[in-house]
Amino acid sequence: MEKQQLIDQLLLNNNGYVTTSEIIDASISKTYFAAYRKEKNLIKVAQGLFMTPEAWQDDLYILQLRYPEAVFSHETSSYLLEMTDREPMERSITLKAGKGSARLNKEGVKVYKVKDDLFEVGLIEVLSPSGHKIRAYNKERTVCDLLRSRNKLEAQEIQTVLREYFHDRDRNIPQLMRYSKLFSIENIVKRYTEVLL
């Protein structure tokens, strides 16, 4: 396949986005890619990330590529998992304890931190609203995260997510209870379960 067709295919496969590392992995020189970018008017959206002028700007995907260790959580994961229809004003992510977050905070991203052994609990891949794969937590982990942070969040938002979760046919109560033990909120989760189930 010709270099230009190869880049076209990469862009097509990724909804109009391509990274420098994908270009290098495809054995295309940076010089050739620079000429291609100029010819096709690709837009640089972040370090090593480019998109076509026709592509939708996907802020969640861009954030994920810039911070690959981050996982979307709390209000953002509840929105991504359709547990609420209200798109959050701020993006919420979780990082491992000890990871720096000053730059993210400056960008208006709400950062939560968790011990290493709890970081991957409930980790899944979901699609952003623009169709890109990003990392988030599953519904049970999201419920636990919201309840753990309940003093920092709007009560109404938490109620909406909990109602949606407990009416969901795909809910997994045994998994929710296992997670609640891991995060030391078993009694709180039991209380909500008794009221909402």
N, C-alpha and C. Protein backbone atom coordinates (compact mmCIF):
# COMPACT_ATOMS: atom_id res chain seq x y z
N MET A 1 0.85 -1.19 0.00
CA MET A 1 0.00 0.00 0.00
C MET A 1 0.89 1.25 0.00
N GLU A 2 0.53 2.21 -0.80
CA GLU A 2 1.28 3.47 -0.90
C GLU A 2 1.18 4.24 0.43
N LYS A 3 2.21 5.03 0.73
CA LYS A 3 2.26 5.77 2.01
C LYS A 3 1.02 6.63 2.22
N GLN A 4 0.62 7.37 1.19
CA GLN A 4 -0.53 8.26 1.33
C GLN A 4 -1.80 7.46 1.65
N GLN A 5 -1.98 6.35 0.95
CA GLN A 5 -3.15 5.50 1.19
C GLN A 5 -3.12 4.93 2.61
N LEU A 6 -1.91 4.60 3.07
CA LEU A 6 -1.74 4.05 4.41
C LEU A 6 -2.19 5.07 5.47
N ILE A 7 -1.76 6.32 5.29
CA ILE A 7 -2.17 7.38 6.25
C ILE A 7 -3.67 7.62 6.14
N ASP A 8 -4.18 7.66 4.90
CA ASP A 8 -5.64 7.82 4.70
C ASP A 8 -6.40 6.74 5.45
N GLN A 9 -5.90 5.51 5.37
CA GLN A 9 -6.55 4.37 6.02
C GLN A 9 -6.50 4.50 7.54
N LEU A 10 -5.35 4.94 8.07
CA LEU A 10 -5.22 5.15 9.52
C LEU A 10 -6.23 6.19 9.99
N LEU A 11 -6.36 7.28 9.25
CA LEU A 11 -7.32 8.33 9.60
C LEU A 11 -8.75 7.81 9.53
N LEU A 12 -9.04 7.04 8.51
CA LEU A 12 -10.38 6.48 8.34
C LEU A 12 -10.73 5.53 9.49
N ASN A 13 -9.79 4.67 9.85
CA ASN A 13 -10.00 3.69 10.92
C ASN A 13 -10.20 4.34 12.28
N ASN A 14 -9.69 5.58 12.44
CA ASN A 14 -9.72 6.22 13.74
C ASN A 14 -10.54 7.51 13.73
N ASN A 15 -11.59 7.53 12.93
CA ASN A 15 -12.53 8.68 12.88
C ASN A 15 -11.84 10.02 12.67
N GLY A 16 -10.84 10.04 11.79
CA GLY A 16 -10.20 11.30 11.43
C GLY A 16 -9.03 11.70 12.30
N TYR A 17 -8.53 10.81 13.16
CA TYR A 17 -7.39 11.11 14.03
C TYR A 17 -6.22 10.18 13.70
N VAL A 18 -5.01 10.68 13.90
CA VAL A 18 -3.81 9.84 13.76
C VAL A 18 -2.74 10.38 14.72
N THR A 19 -1.96 9.45 15.25
CA THR A 19 -0.87 9.85 16.14
C THR A 19 0.47 9.65 15.42
N THR A 20 1.47 10.40 15.87
CA THR A 20 2.81 10.26 15.31
C THR A 20 3.31 8.84 15.51
N SER A 21 3.01 8.23 16.65
CA SER A 21 3.49 6.86 16.91
C SER A 21 2.87 5.86 15.92
N GLU A 22 1.60 6.09 15.52
CA GLU A 22 0.99 5.21 14.51
C GLU A 22 1.69 5.36 13.17
N ILE A 23 2.09 6.59 12.85
CA ILE A 23 2.81 6.86 11.60
C ILE A 23 4.15 6.15 11.61
N ILE A 24 4.88 6.25 12.72
CA ILE A 24 6.18 5.60 12.84
C ILE A 24 6.03 4.08 12.79
N ASP A 25 4.99 3.56 13.47
CA ASP A 25 4.73 2.10 13.45
C ASP A 25 4.44 1.60 12.04
N ALA A 26 3.90 2.48 11.20
CA ALA A 26 3.58 2.11 9.81
C ALA A 26 4.79 2.31 8.88
N SER A 27 5.97 2.59 9.48
CA SER A 27 7.22 2.80 8.73
C SER A 27 7.15 3.97 7.76
N ILE A 28 6.48 5.03 8.18
CA ILE A 28 6.40 6.26 7.39
C ILE A 28 7.28 7.30 8.08
N SER A 29 8.10 7.97 7.30
CA SER A 29 9.03 8.96 7.90
C SER A 29 8.27 10.19 8.37
N LYS A 30 8.84 10.85 9.39
CA LYS A 30 8.25 12.08 9.90
C LYS A 30 8.25 13.16 8.83
N THR A 31 9.26 13.16 7.98
CA THR A 31 9.36 14.15 6.89
C THR A 31 8.20 13.98 5.92
N TYR A 32 7.94 12.72 5.54
CA TYR A 32 6.82 12.46 4.62
C TYR A 32 5.50 12.87 5.28
N PHE A 33 5.35 12.52 6.56
CA PHE A 33 4.11 12.84 7.27
C PHE A 33 3.92 14.35 7.40
N ALA A 34 5.02 15.09 7.60
CA ALA A 34 4.93 16.56 7.69
C ALA A 34 4.39 17.14 6.37
N ALA A 35 4.85 16.61 5.26
CA ALA A 35 4.36 17.07 3.95
C ALA A 35 2.89 16.69 3.76
N TYR A 36 2.52 15.50 4.19
CA TYR A 36 1.13 15.03 4.09
C TYR A 36 0.22 15.94 4.93
N ARG A 37 0.67 16.24 6.16
CA ARG A 37 -0.12 17.10 7.06
C ARG A 37 -0.39 18.45 6.42
N LYS A 38 0.64 19.01 5.80
CA LYS A 38 0.51 20.32 5.17
C LYS A 38 -0.46 20.25 4.00
N GLU A 39 -0.31 19.23 3.18
CA GLU A 39 -1.16 19.08 1.99
C GLU A 39 -2.63 18.86 2.37
N LYS A 40 -2.85 18.07 3.41
CA LYS A 40 -4.23 17.72 3.82
C LYS A 40 -4.80 18.65 4.89
N ASN A 41 -4.03 19.65 5.30
CA ASN A 41 -4.46 20.61 6.33
C ASN A 41 -4.83 19.94 7.65
N LEU A 42 -4.06 18.93 8.05
CA LEU A 42 -4.33 18.27 9.33
C LEU A 42 -4.09 19.27 10.46
N ILE A 43 -4.91 19.15 11.49
CA ILE A 43 -4.85 20.06 12.63
C ILE A 43 -4.14 19.36 13.78
N LYS A 44 -3.15 20.04 14.37
CA LYS A 44 -2.47 19.48 15.54
C LYS A 44 -3.33 19.80 16.76
N VAL A 45 -3.83 18.76 17.43
CA VAL A 45 -4.70 18.97 18.59
C VAL A 45 -3.98 18.74 19.92
N ALA A 46 -2.86 18.04 19.86
CA ALA A 46 -2.03 17.81 21.05
C ALA A 46 -0.69 17.31 20.56
N GLN A 47 0.27 17.22 21.47
CA GLN A 47 1.59 16.72 21.09
C GLN A 47 1.47 15.33 20.48
N GLY A 48 1.87 15.20 19.21
CA GLY A 48 1.84 13.90 18.54
C GLY A 48 0.46 13.43 18.11
N LEU A 49 -0.55 14.31 18.11
CA LEU A 49 -1.92 13.93 17.73
C LEU A 49 -2.47 14.93 16.72
N PHE A 50 -2.98 14.40 15.62
CA PHE A 50 -3.49 15.24 14.53
C PHE A 50 -4.86 14.75 14.11
N MET A 51 -5.67 15.70 13.58
CA MET A 51 -6.99 15.31 13.08
C MET A 51 -7.27 16.02 11.76
N THR A 52 -8.18 15.46 10.98
CA THR A 52 -8.59 16.08 9.72
C THR A 52 -9.51 17.26 10.04
N PRO A 53 -9.60 18.23 9.14
CA PRO A 53 -10.50 19.36 9.39
C PRO A 53 -11.97 18.94 9.53
N GLU A 54 -12.34 17.79 8.95
CA GLU A 54 -13.74 17.32 8.99
C GLU A 54 -14.09 16.57 10.28
N ALA A 55 -13.07 16.12 11.00
CA ALA A 55 -13.32 15.30 12.21
C ALA A 55 -13.90 16.15 13.33
N TRP A 56 -14.73 15.51 14.17
CA TRP A 56 -15.25 16.16 15.38
C TRP A 56 -14.14 16.21 16.40
N GLN A 57 -14.00 17.34 17.08
CA GLN A 57 -12.99 17.41 18.15
C GLN A 57 -13.51 16.61 19.34
N ASP A 58 -12.79 15.57 19.69
CA ASP A 58 -13.18 14.66 20.76
C ASP A 58 -12.28 14.91 21.97
N ASP A 59 -12.75 15.79 22.86
CA ASP A 59 -11.94 16.20 24.02
C ASP A 59 -11.58 15.04 24.94
N LEU A 60 -12.50 14.08 25.09
CA LEU A 60 -12.21 12.94 25.97
C LEU A 60 -11.09 12.08 25.38
N TYR A 61 -11.16 11.83 24.09
CA TYR A 61 -10.14 11.03 23.41
C TYR A 61 -8.78 11.73 23.47
N ILE A 62 -8.79 13.04 23.24
CA ILE A 62 -7.55 13.83 23.27
C ILE A 62 -6.94 13.77 24.67
N LEU A 63 -7.79 13.92 25.69
CA LEU A 63 -7.32 13.85 27.07
C LEU A 63 -6.73 12.47 27.37
N GLN A 64 -7.40 11.41 26.87
CA GLN A 64 -6.92 10.04 27.09
C GLN A 64 -5.56 9.82 26.43
N LEU A 65 -5.38 10.34 25.21
CA LEU A 65 -4.10 10.18 24.54
C LEU A 65 -2.98 10.96 25.22
N ARG A 66 -3.32 12.12 25.75
CA ARG A 66 -2.32 12.94 26.44
C ARG A 66 -1.94 12.34 27.79
N TYR A 67 -2.90 11.68 28.44
CA TYR A 67 -2.68 11.07 29.76
C TYR A 67 -3.15 9.61 29.70
N PRO A 68 -2.38 8.75 29.05
CA PRO A 68 -2.83 7.36 28.84
C PRO A 68 -3.07 6.57 30.13
N GLU A 69 -2.45 7.02 31.24
CA GLU A 69 -2.63 6.30 32.51
C GLU A 69 -3.94 6.68 33.20
N ALA A 70 -4.61 7.72 32.73
CA ALA A 70 -5.85 8.19 33.36
C ALA A 70 -7.04 7.29 33.02
N VAL A 71 -7.99 7.23 33.94
CA VAL A 71 -9.24 6.49 33.72
C VAL A 71 -10.40 7.45 34.01
N PHE A 72 -11.34 7.56 33.08
CA PHE A 72 -12.50 8.42 33.31
C PHE A 72 -13.37 7.79 34.40
N SER A 73 -13.78 8.63 35.34
CA SER A 73 -14.49 8.13 36.52
C SER A 73 -15.57 9.10 36.96
N HIS A 74 -16.24 8.75 38.05
CA HIS A 74 -17.23 9.61 38.70
C HIS A 74 -18.28 10.12 37.70
N GLU A 75 -18.47 11.46 37.64
CA GLU A 75 -19.52 12.02 36.78
C GLU A 75 -19.28 11.72 35.31
N THR A 76 -17.99 11.67 34.90
CA THR A 76 -17.69 11.43 33.48
C THR A 76 -18.03 9.99 33.10
N SER A 77 -17.66 9.02 33.94
CA SER A 77 -18.00 7.64 33.59
C SER A 77 -19.51 7.41 33.67
N SER A 78 -20.20 8.06 34.61
CA SER A 78 -21.66 7.88 34.66
C SER A 78 -22.31 8.42 33.39
N TYR A 79 -21.76 9.49 32.82
CA TYR A 79 -22.26 10.02 31.55
C TYR A 79 -21.92 9.07 30.39
N LEU A 80 -20.68 8.59 30.35
CA LEU A 80 -20.26 7.68 29.27
C LEU A 80 -21.05 6.37 29.29
N LEU A 81 -21.44 5.93 30.50
CA LEU A 81 -22.19 4.67 30.63
C LEU A 81 -23.71 4.89 30.57
N GLU A 82 -24.10 6.11 30.23
CA GLU A 82 -25.52 6.49 30.07
C GLU A 82 -26.33 6.28 31.35
N MET A 83 -25.69 6.56 32.49
CA MET A 83 -26.39 6.50 33.77
C MET A 83 -26.97 7.87 34.10
N THR A 84 -26.60 8.85 33.30
CA THR A 84 -27.15 10.20 33.40
C THR A 84 -27.08 10.81 32.00
N ASP A 85 -28.00 11.70 31.70
CA ASP A 85 -27.95 12.33 30.38
C ASP A 85 -27.32 13.72 30.45
N ARG A 86 -26.90 14.08 31.65
CA ARG A 86 -26.29 15.39 31.86
C ARG A 86 -24.78 15.30 31.68
N GLU A 87 -24.28 15.96 30.63
CA GLU A 87 -22.84 15.96 30.39
C GLU A 87 -22.17 16.82 31.46
N PRO A 88 -21.16 16.28 32.14
CA PRO A 88 -20.53 17.04 33.21
C PRO A 88 -19.77 18.26 32.69
N MET A 89 -19.79 19.32 33.47
CA MET A 89 -19.07 20.55 33.11
C MET A 89 -17.55 20.30 33.14
N GLU A 90 -17.11 19.55 34.15
CA GLU A 90 -15.69 19.22 34.30
C GLU A 90 -15.50 17.74 34.01
N ARG A 91 -14.38 17.39 33.42
CA ARG A 91 -14.03 15.98 33.22
C ARG A 91 -13.49 15.45 34.55
N SER A 92 -13.86 14.21 34.88
CA SER A 92 -13.36 13.56 36.10
C SER A 92 -12.52 12.36 35.70
N ILE A 93 -11.33 12.28 36.26
CA ILE A 93 -10.48 11.13 36.00
C ILE A 93 -9.90 10.62 37.31
N THR A 94 -9.45 9.38 37.27
CA THR A 94 -8.76 8.79 38.42
C THR A 94 -7.36 8.41 37.99
N LEU A 95 -6.41 8.70 38.86
CA LEU A 95 -5.01 8.33 38.67
C LEU A 95 -4.56 7.51 39.87
N LYS A 96 -3.45 6.79 39.69
CA LYS A 96 -2.86 6.09 40.83
C LYS A 96 -2.30 7.13 41.80
N ALA A 97 -2.37 6.82 43.08
CA ALA A 97 -1.81 7.71 44.11
C ALA A 97 -0.34 7.94 43.80
N GLY A 98 0.10 9.18 43.98
CA GLY A 98 1.50 9.50 43.73
C GLY A 98 1.75 10.09 42.35
N LYS A 99 0.78 9.97 41.44
CA LYS A 99 0.93 10.55 40.11
C LYS A 99 0.68 12.05 40.18
N GLY A 100 1.48 12.82 39.47
CA GLY A 100 1.30 14.27 39.45
C GLY A 100 0.04 14.68 38.71
N SER A 101 -0.63 15.71 39.22
CA SER A 101 -1.89 16.13 38.60
C SER A 101 -2.02 17.65 38.46
N ALA A 102 -0.96 18.39 38.73
CA ALA A 102 -1.04 19.85 38.69
C ALA A 102 -1.47 20.36 37.33
N ARG A 103 -0.91 19.78 36.26
CA ARG A 103 -1.26 20.22 34.91
C ARG A 103 -2.74 19.96 34.60
N LEU A 104 -3.21 18.80 35.02
CA LEU A 104 -4.62 18.45 34.80
C LEU A 104 -5.53 19.41 35.57
N ASN A 105 -5.17 19.71 36.81
CA ASN A 105 -5.97 20.64 37.62
C ASN A 105 -6.05 22.01 36.96
N LYS A 106 -4.93 22.47 36.40
CA LYS A 106 -4.90 23.76 35.71
C LYS A 106 -5.83 23.77 34.50
N GLU A 107 -5.99 22.61 33.88
CA GLU A 107 -6.85 22.48 32.70
C GLU A 107 -8.32 22.31 33.08
N GLY A 108 -8.63 22.33 34.37
CA GLY A 108 -10.01 22.20 34.81
C GLY A 108 -10.51 20.77 34.89
N VAL A 109 -9.59 19.81 34.97
CA VAL A 109 -9.96 18.40 35.09
C VAL A 109 -9.99 18.06 36.58
N LYS A 110 -11.07 17.41 37.00
CA LYS A 110 -11.20 16.97 38.39
C LYS A 110 -10.45 15.65 38.54
N VAL A 111 -9.45 15.63 39.42
CA VAL A 111 -8.60 14.45 39.56
C VAL A 111 -8.83 13.77 40.90
N TYR A 112 -9.10 12.48 40.83
CA TYR A 112 -9.21 11.64 42.03
C TYR A 112 -8.02 10.69 42.01
N LYS A 113 -7.57 10.30 43.20
CA LYS A 113 -6.45 9.37 43.27
C LYS A 113 -6.82 8.18 44.15
N VAL A 114 -6.26 7.04 43.79
CA VAL A 114 -6.59 5.81 44.51
C VAL A 114 -5.34 4.94 44.61
N LYS A 115 -5.30 4.12 45.66
CA LYS A 115 -4.16 3.21 45.85
C LYS A 115 -4.01 2.29 44.64
N ASP A 116 -2.76 1.92 44.36
CA ASP A 116 -2.45 1.08 43.20
C ASP A 116 -3.30 -0.18 43.12
N ASP A 117 -3.51 -0.85 44.26
CA ASP A 117 -4.23 -2.13 44.23
C ASP A 117 -5.72 -1.98 43.92
N LEU A 118 -6.24 -0.75 44.01
CA LEU A 118 -7.66 -0.51 43.69
C LEU A 118 -7.85 0.16 42.32
N PHE A 119 -6.74 0.56 41.72
CA PHE A 119 -6.82 1.36 40.50
C PHE A 119 -7.54 0.63 39.35
N GLU A 120 -7.27 -0.66 39.16
CA GLU A 120 -7.83 -1.37 38.02
C GLU A 120 -9.17 -2.06 38.31
N VAL A 121 -9.69 -1.90 39.50
CA VAL A 121 -10.99 -2.50 39.84
C VAL A 121 -12.07 -1.87 38.96
N GLY A 122 -12.73 -2.69 38.15
CA GLY A 122 -13.83 -2.19 37.31
C GLY A 122 -13.40 -1.45 36.06
N LEU A 123 -12.12 -1.56 35.70
CA LEU A 123 -11.61 -0.86 34.52
C LEU A 123 -12.13 -1.52 33.24
N ILE A 124 -12.71 -0.71 32.35
CA ILE A 124 -13.23 -1.21 31.07
C ILE A 124 -12.86 -0.22 29.97
N GLU A 125 -13.09 -0.64 28.73
CA GLU A 125 -12.94 0.27 27.59
C GLU A 125 -14.34 0.61 27.11
N VAL A 126 -14.57 1.90 26.86
CA VAL A 126 -15.87 2.35 26.33
C VAL A 126 -15.60 3.25 25.14
N LEU A 127 -16.67 3.61 24.43
CA LEU A 127 -16.53 4.54 23.32
C LEU A 127 -16.90 5.94 23.78
N SER A 128 -16.10 6.89 23.35
CA SER A 128 -16.43 8.30 23.62
C SER A 128 -17.65 8.64 22.76
N PRO A 129 -18.32 9.77 23.02
CA PRO A 129 -19.47 10.15 22.17
C PRO A 129 -19.11 10.26 20.68
N SER A 130 -17.82 10.47 20.37
CA SER A 130 -17.39 10.54 18.97
C SER A 130 -16.89 9.21 18.44
N GLY A 131 -16.99 8.16 19.25
CA GLY A 131 -16.67 6.81 18.77
C GLY A 131 -15.24 6.34 18.95
N HIS A 132 -14.46 6.97 19.82
CA HIS A 132 -13.10 6.53 20.07
C HIS A 132 -13.03 5.72 21.36
N LYS A 133 -12.16 4.71 21.36
CA LYS A 133 -11.99 3.88 22.56
C LYS A 133 -11.25 4.67 23.64
N ILE A 134 -11.84 4.69 24.83
CA ILE A 134 -11.21 5.34 25.98
C ILE A 134 -11.42 4.46 27.21
N ARG A 135 -10.66 4.74 28.26
CA ARG A 135 -10.73 3.94 29.49
C ARG A 135 -11.68 4.60 30.48
N ALA A 136 -12.53 3.78 31.08
CA ALA A 136 -13.46 4.27 32.10
C ALA A 136 -13.68 3.14 33.10
N TYR A 137 -14.43 3.45 34.15
CA TYR A 137 -14.81 2.42 35.10
C TYR A 137 -16.21 1.94 34.80
N ASN A 138 -16.50 0.67 35.14
CA ASN A 138 -17.83 0.10 34.90
C ASN A 138 -18.86 0.71 35.86
N LYS A 139 -20.10 0.30 35.70
CA LYS A 139 -21.20 0.90 36.47
C LYS A 139 -21.04 0.69 37.97
N GLU A 140 -20.65 -0.51 38.37
CA GLU A 140 -20.53 -0.80 39.80
C GLU A 140 -19.42 0.04 40.44
N ARG A 141 -18.30 0.16 39.75
CA ARG A 141 -17.20 0.98 40.27
C ARG A 141 -17.63 2.46 40.31
N THR A 142 -18.35 2.89 39.27
CA THR A 142 -18.81 4.28 39.23
C THR A 142 -19.73 4.59 40.41
N VAL A 143 -20.65 3.68 40.71
CA VAL A 143 -21.54 3.87 41.87
C VAL A 143 -20.71 4.00 43.14
N CYS A 144 -19.72 3.12 43.31
CA CYS A 144 -18.87 3.18 44.51
C CYS A 144 -18.09 4.49 44.56
N ASP A 145 -17.54 4.91 43.42
CA ASP A 145 -16.79 6.17 43.39
C ASP A 145 -17.67 7.36 43.77
N LEU A 146 -18.88 7.40 43.24
CA LEU A 146 -19.78 8.51 43.55
C LEU A 146 -20.15 8.53 45.03
N LEU A 147 -20.41 7.35 45.59
CA LEU A 147 -20.77 7.29 47.00
C LEU A 147 -19.58 7.62 47.91
N ARG A 148 -18.39 7.22 47.50
CA ARG A 148 -17.18 7.57 48.27
C ARG A 148 -16.94 9.07 48.27
N SER A 149 -17.31 9.73 47.18
CA SER A 149 -17.05 11.18 47.05
C SER A 149 -18.33 12.00 47.26
N ARG A 150 -19.34 11.41 47.89
CA ARG A 150 -20.66 12.04 47.99
C ARG A 150 -20.66 13.42 48.63
N ASN A 151 -19.70 13.70 49.50
CA ASN A 151 -19.66 15.02 50.16
C ASN A 151 -19.15 16.12 49.24
N LYS A 152 -18.53 15.72 48.11
CA LYS A 152 -17.98 16.70 47.17
C LYS A 152 -18.86 16.86 45.94
N LEU A 153 -19.94 16.09 45.85
CA LEU A 153 -20.77 16.08 44.63
C LEU A 153 -22.20 16.51 44.95
N GLU A 154 -22.91 16.87 43.89
CA GLU A 154 -24.32 17.25 44.05
C GLU A 154 -25.15 16.02 44.40
N ALA A 155 -25.95 16.12 45.44
CA ALA A 155 -26.78 14.99 45.88
C ALA A 155 -27.74 14.56 44.77
N GLN A 156 -28.29 15.52 44.05
CA GLN A 156 -29.25 15.21 42.99
C GLN A 156 -28.61 14.37 41.88
N GLU A 157 -27.37 14.70 41.53
CA GLU A 157 -26.65 13.95 40.50
C GLU A 157 -26.43 12.50 40.93
N ILE A 158 -26.05 12.32 42.20
CA ILE A 158 -25.83 10.97 42.72
C ILE A 158 -27.14 10.19 42.72
N GLN A 159 -28.24 10.83 43.15
CA GLN A 159 -29.56 10.18 43.17
C GLN A 159 -29.97 9.71 41.77
N THR A 160 -29.74 10.56 40.77
CA THR A 160 -30.09 10.21 39.38
C THR A 160 -29.34 8.96 38.94
N VAL A 161 -28.04 8.94 39.20
CA VAL A 161 -27.20 7.80 38.80
C VAL A 161 -27.62 6.53 39.54
N LEU A 162 -27.88 6.65 40.84
CA LEU A 162 -28.29 5.47 41.62
C LEU A 162 -29.63 4.92 41.15
N ARG A 163 -30.58 5.81 40.90
CA ARG A 163 -31.90 5.36 40.39
C ARG A 163 -31.72 4.62 39.06
N GLU A 164 -30.93 5.20 38.17
CA GLU A 164 -30.67 4.60 36.86
C GLU A 164 -30.01 3.23 37.02
N TYR A 165 -29.03 3.15 37.90
CA TYR A 165 -28.32 1.89 38.11
C TYR A 165 -29.27 0.81 38.63
N PHE A 166 -30.05 1.13 39.66
CA PHE A 166 -30.90 0.11 40.27
C PHE A 166 -32.09 -0.29 39.39
N HIS A 167 -32.38 0.50 38.37
CA HIS A 167 -33.43 0.13 37.41
C HIS A 167 -32.85 -0.55 36.17
N ASP A 168 -31.55 -0.65 36.10
CA ASP A 168 -30.87 -1.23 34.94
C ASP A 168 -30.92 -2.76 35.02
N ARG A 169 -31.34 -3.39 33.94
CA ARG A 169 -31.39 -4.87 33.93
C ARG A 169 -30.00 -5.49 34.00
N ASP A 170 -28.99 -4.75 33.53
CA ASP A 170 -27.62 -5.28 33.51
C ASP A 170 -26.84 -5.02 34.80
N ARG A 171 -27.52 -4.51 35.81
CA ARG A 171 -26.81 -4.25 37.07
C ARG A 171 -26.28 -5.57 37.63
N ASN A 172 -25.20 -5.46 38.40
CA ASN A 172 -24.58 -6.64 38.97
C ASN A 172 -24.38 -6.39 40.47
N ILE A 173 -25.43 -6.69 41.23
CA ILE A 173 -25.42 -6.39 42.67
C ILE A 173 -24.31 -7.15 43.41
N PRO A 174 -24.08 -8.44 43.12
CA PRO A 174 -22.97 -9.13 43.82
C PRO A 174 -21.63 -8.43 43.59
N GLN A 175 -21.40 -7.98 42.35
CA GLN A 175 -20.16 -7.27 42.05
C GLN A 175 -20.12 -5.92 42.78
N LEU A 176 -21.25 -5.22 42.81
CA LEU A 176 -21.34 -3.95 43.53
C LEU A 176 -20.98 -4.16 45.01
N MET A 177 -21.49 -5.22 45.61
CA MET A 177 -21.21 -5.48 47.02
C MET A 177 -19.72 -5.83 47.23
N ARG A 178 -19.14 -6.59 46.30
CA ARG A 178 -17.70 -6.91 46.39
C ARG A 178 -16.88 -5.62 46.34
N TYR A 179 -17.22 -4.75 45.39
CA TYR A 179 -16.50 -3.48 45.26
C TYR A 179 -16.68 -2.63 46.52
N SER A 180 -17.91 -2.62 47.05
CA SER A 180 -18.17 -1.77 48.24
C SER A 180 -17.30 -2.21 49.42
N LYS A 181 -17.03 -3.52 49.52
CA LYS A 181 -16.14 -4.02 50.58
C LYS A 181 -14.71 -3.51 50.34
N LEU A 182 -14.26 -3.61 49.09
CA LEU A 182 -12.90 -3.16 48.76
C LEU A 182 -12.70 -1.69 49.10
N PHE A 183 -13.75 -0.88 48.89
CA PHE A 183 -13.65 0.57 49.10
C PHE A 183 -14.18 1.02 50.47
N SER A 184 -14.47 0.05 51.33
CA SER A 184 -14.92 0.32 52.71
C SER A 184 -16.17 1.19 52.78
N ILE A 185 -17.14 0.92 51.88
CA ILE A 185 -18.42 1.65 51.93
C ILE A 185 -19.59 0.67 51.89
N GLU A 186 -19.36 -0.51 52.41
CA GLU A 186 -20.35 -1.58 52.36
C GLU A 186 -21.68 -1.17 53.00
N ASN A 187 -21.63 -0.54 54.18
CA ASN A 187 -22.86 -0.15 54.87
C ASN A 187 -23.66 0.89 54.08
N ILE A 188 -22.96 1.84 53.48
CA ILE A 188 -23.63 2.88 52.68
C ILE A 188 -24.31 2.24 51.47
N VAL A 189 -23.60 1.36 50.78
CA VAL A 189 -24.17 0.70 49.60
C VAL A 189 -25.36 -0.16 50.00
N LYS A 190 -25.26 -0.88 51.11
CA LYS A 190 -26.38 -1.71 51.59
C LYS A 190 -27.62 -0.86 51.85
N ARG A 191 -27.40 0.30 52.45
CA ARG A 191 -28.52 1.20 52.76
C ARG A 191 -29.24 1.63 51.47
N TYR A 192 -28.47 2.04 50.48
CA TYR A 192 -29.09 2.46 49.20
C TYR A 192 -29.74 1.27 48.50
N THR A 193 -29.11 0.10 48.58
CA THR A 193 -29.67 -1.08 47.94
C THR A 193 -31.03 -1.43 48.54
N GLU A 194 -31.14 -1.36 49.87
CA GLU A 194 -32.41 -1.69 50.53
C GLU A 194 -33.51 -0.71 50.12
N VAL A 195 -33.16 0.56 49.94
CA VAL A 195 -34.15 1.58 49.60
C VAL A 195 -34.54 1.51 48.12
N LEU A 196 -33.56 1.31 47.24
CA LEU A 196 -33.81 1.47 45.82
C LEU A 196 -34.13 0.17 45.06
N LEU A 197 -33.86 -0.98 45.66
CA LEU A 197 -34.16 -2.23 44.96
C LEU A 197 -35.60 -2.65 45.16
